[in-house]
Amino acid sequence: MQAAILPDRGVVKVAGEDARRFLNGLVTIDMASVAPATARFAALLTPQGKIVVDFIVAEAPADDGGGFFLDVPKALATELVDKLNFYKLRAKVLVEDLSPVLGVMAAWNGTGRTEYGLCYADPRLPALGLRVMLPPHLAAAAAADLGASLVEAGAYETHRIALSVPRGGEDFIYGDTFPHEADMDQLGGVDFDKGCYVGQEVVSRIEHRGSARNRLVGIAYDEFAPVSGLPIMAGEKPVGTLGSVAKGRGLALLRLDRLADAGDAPLTCGGIAIRVVKPDWARFAVPGAAAVAS
């Protein structure tokens, strides 16, 4: 088992007697499904249905004070606190950015639990392992408690990329991406049967019409890595943009209709040959993709 502190992650706490109801009216998942033993992947959207910030929601046990702890991109923690406070009105909730004192550790390729922090399985994909919110100086003790080797965050990034799991800011742009485009519908990040939340109408329309033309998908390459951010070409025609890459794998935001129209045209990025791969968790069709297990 390996474990790593993720320096790009922060923690926002939402507590108070109205916290569950308050969040339920805002985020993409049914907060009734969140429990101390069950974290959920979710997002806050714009009214136009685009992702403001995505996060994992974990609930602390009542014996530990309760409340909901959001595992968020650290760079967006302050913005999320401001957005939640904007929506708060007279709701009895307290929203705090705990990123200065709490970090997030990921652990994968094994099983275990630790009492050194708030521990929860990553709800997106079992292969992503578990996560622990804790003061960063306790990371080594928590890793030892899990029986894990403490490694650099880059090892986790390589693992995530090999699983074709998107990361906001690297593989898609916050404020300009619909949940379907970031594969949130595939990774348990959207509940389509819950009541209203910000941006719901747009997201529901995309789901019911099956109109998500852009998707983040996996890619593979040999030897030299293409440069993130460059266009992906099918012959002479652009079909998408490359995101994060590591050790022969990467992610790309592709226009699936253009990929289908390209037929057998070779795919390249920055002059480097690439090929599209489809992880087994993806339930949408990817033209010309080879299947890979997660």
C-alpha atoms as a PDB file:
ATOM      1  CA  MET A   1       0.000   0.000   0.000  1.00  0.00           C
ATOM      2  CA  GLN A   2       1.168   3.526  -0.789  1.00  0.00           C
ATOM      3  CA  ALA A   3       0.116   6.824   0.771  1.00  0.00           C
ATOM      4  CA  ALA A   4       0.799  10.456  -0.073  1.00  0.00           C
ATOM      5  CA  ILE A   5      -0.169  13.876   1.220  1.00  0.00           C
ATOM      6  CA  LEU A   6      -1.870  15.751  -1.632  1.00  0.00           C
ATOM      7  CA  PRO A   7      -0.564  19.342  -1.487  1.00  0.00           C
ATOM      8  CA  ASP A   8      -3.261  20.622  -3.843  1.00  0.00           C
ATOM      9  CA  ARG A   9      -6.133  19.593  -1.524  1.00  0.00           C
ATOM     10  CA  GLY A  10      -7.764  21.578   1.268  1.00  0.00           C
ATOM     11  CA  VAL A  11     -10.679  21.134   3.670  1.00  0.00           C
ATOM     12  CA  VAL A  12     -13.863  23.167   4.117  1.00  0.00           C
ATOM     13  CA  LYS A  13     -16.185  22.390   7.047  1.00  0.00           C
ATOM     14  CA  VAL A  14     -19.946  22.918   6.935  1.00  0.00           C
ATOM     15  CA  ALA A  15     -21.663  22.374  10.283  1.00  0.00           C
ATOM     16  CA  GLY A  16     -24.828  23.335  12.132  1.00  0.00           C
ATOM     17  CA  GLU A  17     -28.365  22.032  12.483  1.00  0.00           C
ATOM     18  CA  ASP A  18     -29.300  23.055   8.918  1.00  0.00           C
ATOM     19  CA  ALA A  19     -26.059  21.843   7.279  1.00  0.00           C
ATOM     20  CA  ARG A  20     -27.444  18.758   5.515  1.00  0.00           C
ATOM     21  CA  ARG A  21     -30.537  20.521   4.190  1.00  0.00           C
ATOM     22  CA  PHE A  22     -28.489  23.568   3.200  1.00  0.00           C
ATOM     23  CA  LEU A  23     -25.985  21.558   1.164  1.00  0.00           C
ATOM     24  CA  ASN A  24     -28.715  19.394  -0.343  1.00  0.00           C
ATOM     25  CA  GLY A  25     -30.264  22.449  -1.969  1.00  0.00           C
ATOM     26  CA  LEU A  26     -26.970  23.402  -3.596  1.00  0.00           C
ATOM     27  CA  VAL A  27     -24.873  20.390  -4.609  1.00  0.00           C
ATOM     28  CA  THR A  28     -25.248  17.698  -7.256  1.00  0.00           C
ATOM     29  CA  ILE A  29     -25.823  14.723  -4.939  1.00  0.00           C
ATOM     30  CA  ASP A  30     -28.487  13.731  -2.417  1.00  0.00           C
ATOM     31  CA  MET A  31     -27.030  14.630   0.962  1.00  0.00           C
ATOM     32  CA  ALA A  32     -29.246  11.996   2.597  1.00  0.00           C
ATOM     33  CA  SER A  33     -26.815   9.431   1.156  1.00  0.00           C
ATOM     34  CA  VAL A  34     -23.829  10.919   3.024  1.00  0.00           C
ATOM     35  CA  ALA A  35     -23.033   9.224   6.331  1.00  0.00           C
ATOM     36  CA  PRO A  36     -19.956   8.813   8.547  1.00  0.00           C
ATOM     37  CA  ALA A  37     -19.158   5.553   6.747  1.00  0.00           C
ATOM     38  CA  THR A  38     -20.148   6.823   3.283  1.00  0.00           C
ATOM     39  CA  ALA A  39     -18.517   9.793   1.546  1.00  0.00           C
ATOM     40  CA  ARG A  40     -19.848  11.126  -1.770  1.00  0.00           C
ATOM     41  CA  PHE A  41     -18.383  12.917  -4.780  1.00  0.00           C
ATOM     42  CA  ALA A  42     -20.237  16.153  -5.623  1.00  0.00           C
ATOM     43  CA  ALA A  43     -19.973  19.652  -7.085  1.00  0.00           C
ATOM     44  CA  LEU A  44     -21.337  23.141  -6.745  1.00  0.00           C
ATOM     45  CA  LEU A  45     -22.442  24.452 -10.148  1.00  0.00           C
ATOM     46  CA  THR A  46     -23.207  27.792 -11.721  1.00  0.00           C
ATOM     47  CA  PRO A  47     -26.866  28.459 -12.607  1.00  0.00           C
ATOM     48  CA  GLN A  48     -25.809  27.560 -16.174  1.00  0.00           C
ATOM     49  CA  GLY A  49     -24.805  24.081 -14.986  1.00  0.00           C
ATOM     50  CA  LYS A  50     -21.015  24.415 -15.119  1.00  0.00           C
ATOM     51  CA  ILE A  51     -18.666  23.265 -12.343  1.00  0.00           C
ATOM     52  CA  VAL A  52     -17.627  25.968  -9.863  1.00  0.00           C
ATOM     53  CA  VAL A  53     -15.768  23.425  -7.717  1.00  0.00           C
ATOM     54  CA  ASP A  54     -15.939  19.653  -7.257  1.00  0.00           C
ATOM     55  CA  PHE A  55     -15.223  17.924  -3.949  1.00  0.00           C
ATOM     56  CA  ILE A  56     -15.685  14.827  -1.813  1.00  0.00           C
ATOM     57  CA  VAL A  57     -18.169  15.211   1.077  1.00  0.00           C
ATOM     58  CA  ALA A  58     -17.361  13.244   4.239  1.00  0.00           C
ATOM     59  CA  GLU A  59     -19.390  13.315   7.459  1.00  0.00           C
ATOM     60  CA  ALA A  60     -17.742  13.161  10.866  1.00  0.00           C
ATOM     61  CA  PRO A  61     -19.332  10.821  13.442  1.00  0.00           C
ATOM     62  CA  ALA A  62     -21.509  12.482  16.079  1.00  0.00           C
ATOM     63  CA  ASP A  63     -19.055  11.299  18.763  1.00  0.00           C
ATOM     64  CA  ASP A  64     -16.384  13.408  17.064  1.00  0.00           C
ATOM     65  CA  GLY A  65     -18.573  16.502  16.815  1.00  0.00           C
ATOM     66  CA  GLY A  66     -20.336  15.747  13.522  1.00  0.00           C
ATOM     67  CA  GLY A  67     -20.429  18.135  10.592  1.00  0.00           C
ATOM     68  CA  PHE A  68     -19.562  17.770   6.925  1.00  0.00           C
ATOM     69  CA  PHE A  69     -15.978  18.070   5.705  1.00  0.00           C
ATOM     70  CA  LEU A  70     -15.403  18.878   2.035  1.00  0.00           C
ATOM     71  CA  ASP A  71     -12.204  17.563   0.436  1.00  0.00           C
ATOM     72  CA  VAL A  72     -11.628  20.374  -2.088  1.00  0.00           C
ATOM     73  CA  PRO A  73      -8.953  21.835  -4.370  1.00  0.00           C
ATOM     74  CA  LYS A  74      -7.008  24.051  -1.961  1.00  0.00           C
ATOM     75  CA  ALA A  75      -6.812  26.888  -4.492  1.00  0.00           C
ATOM     76  CA  LEU A  76     -10.633  27.063  -4.560  1.00  0.00           C
ATOM     77  CA  ALA A  77     -11.334  26.649  -0.832  1.00  0.00           C
ATOM     78  CA  THR A  78     -11.758  30.370  -0.177  1.00  0.00           C
ATOM     79  CA  GLU A  79     -14.005  30.774  -3.223  1.00  0.00           C
ATOM     80  CA  LEU A  80     -16.148  27.856  -2.075  1.00  0.00           C
ATOM     81  CA  VAL A  81     -16.512  29.338   1.424  1.00  0.00           C
ATOM     82  CA  ASP A  82     -17.574  32.656  -0.114  1.00  0.00           C
ATOM     83  CA  LYS A  83     -20.101  30.961  -2.423  1.00  0.00           C
ATOM     84  CA  LEU A  84     -21.615  28.921   0.400  1.00  0.00           C
ATOM     85  CA  ASN A  85     -21.870  31.974   2.623  1.00  0.00           C
ATOM     86  CA  PHE A  86     -23.560  33.839  -0.232  1.00  0.00           C
ATOM     87  CA  TYR A  87     -26.265  31.153  -0.355  1.00  0.00           C
ATOM     88  CA  LYS A  88     -26.539  30.795   3.418  1.00  0.00           C
ATOM     89  CA  LEU A  89     -29.079  33.566   4.089  1.00  0.00           C
ATOM     90  CA  ARG A  90     -30.685  32.636   7.435  1.00  0.00           C
ATOM     91  CA  ALA A  91     -29.715  28.960   7.444  1.00  0.00           C
ATOM     92  CA  LYS A  92     -28.166  27.819  10.717  1.00  0.00           C
ATOM     93  CA  VAL A  93     -24.809  26.737   9.329  1.00  0.00           C
ATOM     94  CA  LEU A  94     -21.170  27.619   9.888  1.00  0.00           C
ATOM     95  CA  VAL A  95     -18.773  27.446   6.938  1.00  0.00           C
ATOM     96  CA  GLU A  96     -15.031  27.390   7.647  1.00  0.00           C
ATOM     97  CA  ASP A  97     -11.870  26.967   5.580  1.00  0.00           C
ATOM     98  CA  LEU A  98      -9.755  24.526   7.589  1.00  0.00           C
ATOM     99  CA  SER A  99      -7.044  24.217   4.929  1.00  0.00           C
ATOM    100  CA  PRO A 100      -4.440  26.020   7.092  1.00  0.00           C
ATOM    101  CA  VAL A 101      -4.635  23.209   9.662  1.00  0.00           C
ATOM    102  CA  LEU A 102      -5.959  20.142   7.805  1.00  0.00           C
ATOM    103  CA  GLY A 103      -4.678  18.379   4.706  1.00  0.00           C
ATOM    104  CA  VAL A 104      -5.732  15.335   2.694  1.00  0.00           C
ATOM    105  CA  MET A 105      -3.779  12.101   2.364  1.00  0.00           C
ATOM    106  CA  ALA A 106      -4.578   9.448  -0.243  1.00  0.00           C
ATOM    107  CA  ALA A 107      -3.752   5.757   0.225  1.00  0.00           C
ATOM    108  CA  TRP A 108      -4.100   3.119  -2.494  1.00  0.00           C
ATOM    109  CA  ASN A 109      -3.148  -0.409  -3.575  1.00  0.00           C
ATOM    110  CA  GLY A 110      -4.214  -1.940  -0.288  1.00  0.00           C
ATOM    111  CA  THR A 111      -6.782  -1.835   2.489  1.00  0.00           C
ATOM    112  CA  GLY A 112      -6.773  -0.461   5.998  1.00  0.00           C
ATOM    113  CA  ARG A 113      -8.105   2.147   8.398  1.00  0.00           C
ATOM    114  CA  THR A 114      -6.513   4.715  10.664  1.00  0.00           C
ATOM    115  CA  GLU A 115      -7.683   6.665  13.701  1.00  0.00           C
ATOM    116  CA  TYR A 116      -5.325   9.578  12.994  1.00  0.00           C
ATOM    117  CA  GLY A 117      -7.940  11.555  11.053  1.00  0.00           C
ATOM    118  CA  LEU A 118     -11.270  11.406   9.247  1.00  0.00           C
ATOM    119  CA  CYS A 119     -10.864   8.327   7.036  1.00  0.00           C
ATOM    120  CA  TYR A 120     -13.169   7.523   4.095  1.00  0.00           C
ATOM    121  CA  ALA A 121     -13.142   5.464   0.909  1.00  0.00           C
ATOM    122  CA  ASP A 122     -12.777   7.519  -2.258  1.00  0.00           C
ATOM    123  CA  PRO A 123     -16.358   7.408  -3.600  1.00  0.00           C
ATOM    124  CA  ARG A 124     -15.399   7.892  -7.226  1.00  0.00           C
ATOM    125  CA  LEU A 125     -13.709   4.564  -7.859  1.00  0.00           C
ATOM    126  CA  PRO A 126     -12.645   1.685  -5.572  1.00  0.00           C
ATOM    127  CA  ALA A 127      -9.217   1.557  -7.201  1.00  0.00           C
ATOM    128  CA  LEU A 128      -8.528   5.107  -5.963  1.00  0.00           C
ATOM    129  CA  GLY A 129      -8.370   3.681  -2.440  1.00  0.00           C
ATOM    130  CA  LEU A 130      -9.094   5.797   0.608  1.00  0.00           C
ATOM    131  CA  ARG A 131      -8.439   9.311   1.847  1.00  0.00           C
ATOM    132  CA  VAL A 132      -7.715  10.774   5.260  1.00  0.00           C
ATOM    133  CA  MET A 133      -8.241  14.363   6.435  1.00  0.00           C
ATOM    134  CA  LEU A 134      -5.618  15.124   9.073  1.00  0.00           C
ATOM    135  CA  PRO A 135      -2.993  17.644  10.171  1.00  0.00           C
ATOM    136  CA  PRO A 136      -0.136  17.117   7.682  1.00  0.00           C
ATOM    137  CA  HIS A 137       2.427  16.498  10.433  1.00  0.00           C
ATOM    138  CA  LEU A 138       0.539  13.281  11.309  1.00  0.00           C
ATOM    139  CA  ALA A 139       0.871  11.846   7.785  1.00  0.00           C
ATOM    140  CA  ALA A 140       3.805   9.553   8.605  1.00  0.00           C
ATOM    141  CA  ALA A 141       2.034   8.148  11.679  1.00  0.00           C
ATOM    142  CA  ALA A 142      -1.194   7.620   9.739  1.00  0.00           C
ATOM    143  CA  ALA A 143       0.654   5.883   6.899  1.00  0.00           C
ATOM    144  CA  ALA A 144       2.353   3.570   9.398  1.00  0.00           C
ATOM    145  CA  ASP A 145      -1.034   2.876  10.987  1.00  0.00           C
ATOM    146  CA  LEU A 146      -2.320   1.848   7.542  1.00  0.00           C
ATOM    147  CA  GLY A 147       0.731  -0.262   6.835  1.00  0.00           C
ATOM    148  CA  ALA A 148       1.502   2.005   3.871  1.00  0.00           C
ATOM    149  CA  SER A 149       4.717   3.460   2.486  1.00  0.00           C
ATOM    150  CA  LEU A 150       4.631   7.269   2.458  1.00  0.00           C
ATOM    151  CA  VAL A 151       5.550   8.443  -1.041  1.00  0.00           C
ATOM    152  CA  GLU A 152       5.535  11.683  -3.027  1.00  0.00           C
ATOM    153  CA  ALA A 153       2.254  13.092  -4.404  1.00  0.00           C
ATOM    154  CA  GLY A 154       3.466  12.415  -7.946  1.00  0.00           C
ATOM    155  CA  ALA A 155       2.975   8.688  -7.374  1.00  0.00           C
ATOM    156  CA  TYR A 156      -0.700   9.287  -6.666  1.00  0.00           C
ATOM    157  CA  GLU A 157      -1.001  11.451  -9.785  1.00  0.00           C
ATOM    158  CA  THR A 158       0.444   8.634 -11.878  1.00  0.00           C
ATOM    159  CA  HIS A 159      -2.083   6.234 -10.319  1.00  0.00           C
ATOM    160  CA  ARG A 160      -5.003   8.619 -10.941  1.00  0.00           C
ATOM    161  CA  ILE A 161      -4.009   9.240 -14.536  1.00  0.00           C
ATOM    162  CA  ALA A 162      -3.611   5.507 -15.226  1.00  0.00           C
ATOM    163  CA  LEU A 163      -7.226   5.108 -14.062  1.00  0.00           C
ATOM    164  CA  SER A 164      -8.357   7.943 -16.388  1.00  0.00           C
ATOM    165  CA  VAL A 165      -9.927   9.857 -13.473  1.00  0.00           C
ATOM    166  CA  PRO A 166     -10.077  13.609 -14.233  1.00  0.00           C
ATOM    167  CA  ARG A 167      -8.640  16.328 -12.014  1.00  0.00           C
ATOM    168  CA  GLY A 168     -10.040  19.838 -12.136  1.00  0.00           C
ATOM    169  CA  GLY A 169      -7.584  22.519 -13.188  1.00  0.00           C
ATOM    170  CA  GLU A 170      -5.448  19.937 -14.965  1.00  0.00           C
ATOM    171  CA  ASP A 171      -7.914  18.114 -17.199  1.00  0.00           C
ATOM    172  CA  PHE A 172     -10.816  20.575 -17.298  1.00  0.00           C
ATOM    173  CA  ILE A 173     -11.387  24.252 -16.577  1.00  0.00           C
ATOM    174  CA  TYR A 174     -13.486  25.251 -13.591  1.00  0.00           C
ATOM    175  CA  GLY A 175     -16.348  27.533 -14.559  1.00  0.00           C
ATOM    176  CA  ASP A 176     -16.344  26.291 -18.162  1.00  0.00           C
ATOM    177  CA  THR A 177     -17.116  22.565 -17.904  1.00  0.00           C
ATOM    178  CA  PHE A 178     -20.371  20.654 -17.454  1.00  0.00           C
ATOM    179  CA  PRO A 179     -20.409  17.671 -15.042  1.00  0.00           C
ATOM    180  CA  HIS A 180     -20.925  15.223 -17.920  1.00  0.00           C
ATOM    181  CA  GLU A 181     -17.832  16.571 -19.690  1.00  0.00           C
ATOM    182  CA  ALA A 182     -15.781  15.910 -16.539  1.00  0.00           C
ATOM    183  CA  ASP A 183     -17.312  12.395 -16.249  1.00  0.00           C
ATOM    184  CA  MET A 184     -18.969  13.224 -12.925  1.00  0.00           C
ATOM    185  CA  ASP A 185     -22.054  11.301 -14.056  1.00  0.00           C
ATOM    186  CA  GLN A 186     -19.854   8.216 -14.503  1.00  0.00           C
ATOM    187  CA  LEU A 187     -18.059   8.587 -11.165  1.00  0.00           C
ATOM    188  CA  GLY A 188     -21.093   8.948  -8.895  1.00  0.00           C
ATOM    189  CA  GLY A 189     -20.966  12.735  -8.714  1.00  0.00           C
ATOM    190  CA  VAL A 190     -24.534  13.508  -9.862  1.00  0.00           C
ATOM    191  CA  ASP A 191     -27.864  12.214  -8.518  1.00  0.00           C
ATOM    192  CA  PHE A 192     -30.467  12.563 -11.246  1.00  0.00           C
ATOM    193  CA  ASP A 193     -33.463  11.737  -9.044  1.00  0.00           C
ATOM    194  CA  LYS A 194     -32.932  14.279  -6.247  1.00  0.00           C
ATOM    195  CA  GLY A 195     -34.737  17.593  -5.817  1.00  0.00           C
ATOM    196  CA  CYS A 196     -33.618  20.966  -7.065  1.00  0.00           C
ATOM    197  CA  TYR A 197     -30.061  22.269  -6.821  1.00  0.00           C
ATOM    198  CA  VAL A 198     -28.176  25.059  -8.551  1.00  0.00           C
ATOM    199  CA  GLY A 199     -27.749  24.235 -12.254  1.00  0.00           C
ATOM    200  CA  GLN A 200     -29.984  21.149 -12.135  1.00  0.00           C
ATOM    201  CA  GLU A 201     -32.118  21.965 -15.174  1.00  0.00           C
ATOM    202  CA  VAL A 202     -29.158  22.139 -17.528  1.00  0.00           C
ATOM    203  CA  VAL A 203     -27.542  18.969 -16.154  1.00  0.00           C
ATOM    204  CA  SER A 204     -30.827  17.044 -16.351  1.00  0.00           C
ATOM    205  CA  ARG A 205     -31.363  18.189 -19.939  1.00  0.00           C
ATOM    206  CA  ILE A 206     -27.898  16.962 -20.965  1.00  0.00           C
ATOM    207  CA  GLU A 207     -28.579  13.606 -19.275  1.00  0.00           C
ATOM    208  CA  HIS A 208     -32.014  13.044 -20.778  1.00  0.00           C
ATOM    209  CA  ARG A 209     -31.010  14.160 -24.278  1.00  0.00           C
ATOM    210  CA  GLY A 210     -27.717  12.297 -24.185  1.00  0.00           C
ATOM    211  CA  SER A 211     -26.163  15.462 -25.586  1.00  0.00           C
ATOM    212  CA  ALA A 212     -22.708  15.466 -23.962  1.00  0.00           C
ATOM    213  CA  ARG A 213     -20.521  15.929 -27.021  1.00  0.00           C
ATOM    214  CA  ASN A 214     -17.316  16.567 -25.045  1.00  0.00           C
ATOM    215  CA  ARG A 215     -15.896  13.917 -22.714  1.00  0.00           C
ATOM    216  CA  LEU A 216     -12.717  13.412 -20.767  1.00  0.00           C
ATOM    217  CA  VAL A 217     -11.246  10.101 -21.863  1.00  0.00           C
ATOM    218  CA  GLY A 218      -7.991   8.239 -21.384  1.00  0.00           C
ATOM    219  CA  ILE A 219      -5.158   8.269 -23.876  1.00  0.00           C
ATOM    220  CA  ALA A 220      -1.953   6.264 -24.177  1.00  0.00           C
ATOM    221  CA  TYR A 221       1.392   7.040 -25.808  1.00  0.00           C
ATOM    222  CA  ASP A 222       4.793   5.409 -26.215  1.00  0.00           C
ATOM    223  CA  GLU A 223       8.186   6.780 -25.186  1.00  0.00           C
ATOM    224  CA  PHE A 224       8.093  10.607 -25.206  1.00  0.00           C
ATOM    225  CA  ALA A 225       5.159  12.331 -23.500  1.00  0.00           C
ATOM    226  CA  PRO A 226       3.144  14.935 -25.398  1.00  0.00           C
ATOM    227  CA  VAL A 227       2.775  18.349 -23.737  1.00  0.00           C
ATOM    228  CA  SER A 228      -0.369  19.051 -21.721  1.00  0.00           C
ATOM    229  CA  GLY A 229      -2.595  21.754 -23.168  1.00  0.00           C
ATOM    230  CA  LEU A 230      -1.759  21.045 -26.813  1.00  0.00           C
ATOM    231  CA  PRO A 231      -4.532  20.229 -29.306  1.00  0.00           C
ATOM    232  CA  ILE A 232      -5.167  16.617 -30.283  1.00  0.00           C
ATOM    233  CA  MET A 233      -5.355  16.143 -34.013  1.00  0.00           C
ATOM    234  CA  ALA A 234      -7.095  13.479 -36.079  1.00  0.00           C
ATOM    235  CA  GLY A 235      -5.113  13.825 -39.262  1.00  0.00           C
ATOM    236  CA  GLU A 236      -5.293  17.583 -39.915  1.00  0.00           C
ATOM    237  CA  LYS A 237      -8.422  18.238 -37.830  1.00  0.00           C
ATOM    238  CA  PRO A 238      -8.502  19.184 -34.125  1.00  0.00           C
ATOM    239  CA  VAL A 239     -10.651  16.875 -32.006  1.00  0.00           C
ATOM    240  CA  GLY A 240      -9.755  17.893 -28.456  1.00  0.00           C
ATOM    241  CA  THR A 241      -7.162  19.053 -25.934  1.00  0.00           C
ATOM    242  CA  LEU A 242      -4.628  17.084 -23.913  1.00  0.00           C
ATOM    243  CA  GLY A 243      -4.790  17.229 -20.111  1.00  0.00           C
ATOM    244  CA  SER A 244      -2.493  15.582 -17.577  1.00  0.00           C
ATOM    245  CA  VAL A 245       0.029  12.889 -18.574  1.00  0.00           C
ATOM    246  CA  ALA A 246       2.302  10.450 -16.748  1.00  0.00           C
ATOM    247  CA  LYS A 247       4.238   7.323 -17.691  1.00  0.00           C
ATOM    248  CA  GLY A 248       2.518   6.427 -20.949  1.00  0.00           C
ATOM    249  CA  ARG A 249      -1.017   7.461 -19.985  1.00  0.00           C
ATOM    250  CA  GLY A 250      -3.001  10.689 -19.983  1.00  0.00           C
ATOM    251  CA  LEU A 251      -6.413  12.287 -20.212  1.00  0.00           C
ATOM    252  CA  ALA A 252      -7.907  14.356 -23.001  1.00  0.00           C
ATOM    253  CA  LEU A 253     -11.077  16.386 -23.426  1.00  0.00           C
ATOM    254  CA  LEU A 254     -12.372  15.165 -26.778  1.00  0.00           C
ATOM    255  CA  ARG A 255     -15.271  16.044 -29.055  1.00  0.00           C
ATOM    256  CA  LEU A 256     -16.729  12.565 -29.547  1.00  0.00           C
ATOM    257  CA  ASP A 257     -18.625  13.494 -32.712  1.00  0.00           C
ATOM    258  CA  ARG A 258     -15.453  14.809 -34.335  1.00  0.00           C
ATOM    259  CA  LEU A 259     -13.579  11.713 -33.215  1.00  0.00           C
ATOM    260  CA  ALA A 260     -16.239   9.547 -34.869  1.00  0.00           C
ATOM    261  CA  ASP A 261     -16.113  11.606 -38.068  1.00  0.00           C
ATOM    262  CA  ALA A 262     -12.333  11.209 -38.183  1.00  0.00           C
ATOM    263  CA  GLY A 263     -12.670   7.459 -38.719  1.00  0.00           C
ATOM    264  CA  ASP A 264      -9.263   5.802 -38.983  1.00  0.00           C
ATOM    265  CA  ALA A 265      -7.264   9.040 -39.169  1.00  0.00           C
ATOM    266  CA  PRO A 266      -4.180   8.808 -36.922  1.00  0.00           C
ATOM    267  CA  LEU A 267      -4.321  10.720 -33.635  1.00  0.00           C
ATOM    268  CA  THR A 268      -1.396  12.921 -32.675  1.00  0.00           C
ATOM    269  CA  CYS A 269      -0.566  15.579 -30.092  1.00  0.00           C
ATOM    270  CA  GLY A 270       2.398  17.832 -30.739  1.00  0.00           C
ATOM    271  CA  GLY A 271       3.493  15.406 -33.445  1.00  0.00           C
ATOM    272  CA  ILE A 272       3.473  12.429 -31.038  1.00  0.00           C
ATOM    273  CA  ALA A 273       1.233   9.486 -31.850  1.00  0.00           C
ATOM    274  CA  ILE A 274      -1.428   8.752 -29.248  1.00  0.00           C
ATOM    275  CA  ARG A 275      -4.335   6.349 -28.969  1.00  0.00           C
ATOM    276  CA  VAL A 276      -7.619   6.604 -27.102  1.00  0.00           C
ATOM    277  CA  VAL A 277      -8.335   4.125 -24.299  1.00  0.00           C
ATOM    278  CA  LYS A 278     -11.587   3.531 -22.457  1.00  0.00           C
ATOM    279  CA  PRO A 279     -11.553   2.504 -18.767  1.00  0.00           C
ATOM    280  CA  ASP A 280     -14.017  -0.147 -17.703  1.00  0.00           C
ATOM    281  CA  TRP A 281     -15.916   2.327 -15.495  1.00  0.00           C
ATOM    282  CA  ALA A 282     -16.929   4.497 -18.469  1.00  0.00           C
ATOM    283  CA  ARG A 283     -20.460   3.732 -19.688  1.00  0.00           C
ATOM    284  CA  PHE A 284     -20.385   6.007 -22.748  1.00  0.00           C
ATOM    285  CA  ALA A 285     -19.167   5.039 -26.222  1.00  0.00           C
ATOM    286  CA  VAL A 286     -15.754   6.288 -27.320  1.00  0.00           C
ATOM    287  CA  PRO A 287     -15.144   5.892 -31.074  1.00  0.00           C
ATOM    288  CA  GLY A 288     -12.018   3.907 -31.834  1.00  0.00           C
ATOM    289  CA  ALA A 289     -11.059   3.391 -28.184  1.00  0.00           C
ATOM    290  CA  ALA A 290      -9.346   0.320 -26.800  1.00  0.00           C
ATOM    291  CA  ALA A 291     -10.724  -0.928 -23.469  1.00  0.00           C
ATOM    292  CA  VAL A 292      -8.493  -0.973 -20.390  1.00  0.00           C
ATOM    293  CA  ALA A 293      -9.244  -2.301 -16.919  1.00  0.00           C
ATOM    294  CA  SER A 294      -9.282   0.011 -13.919  1.00  0.00           C
END
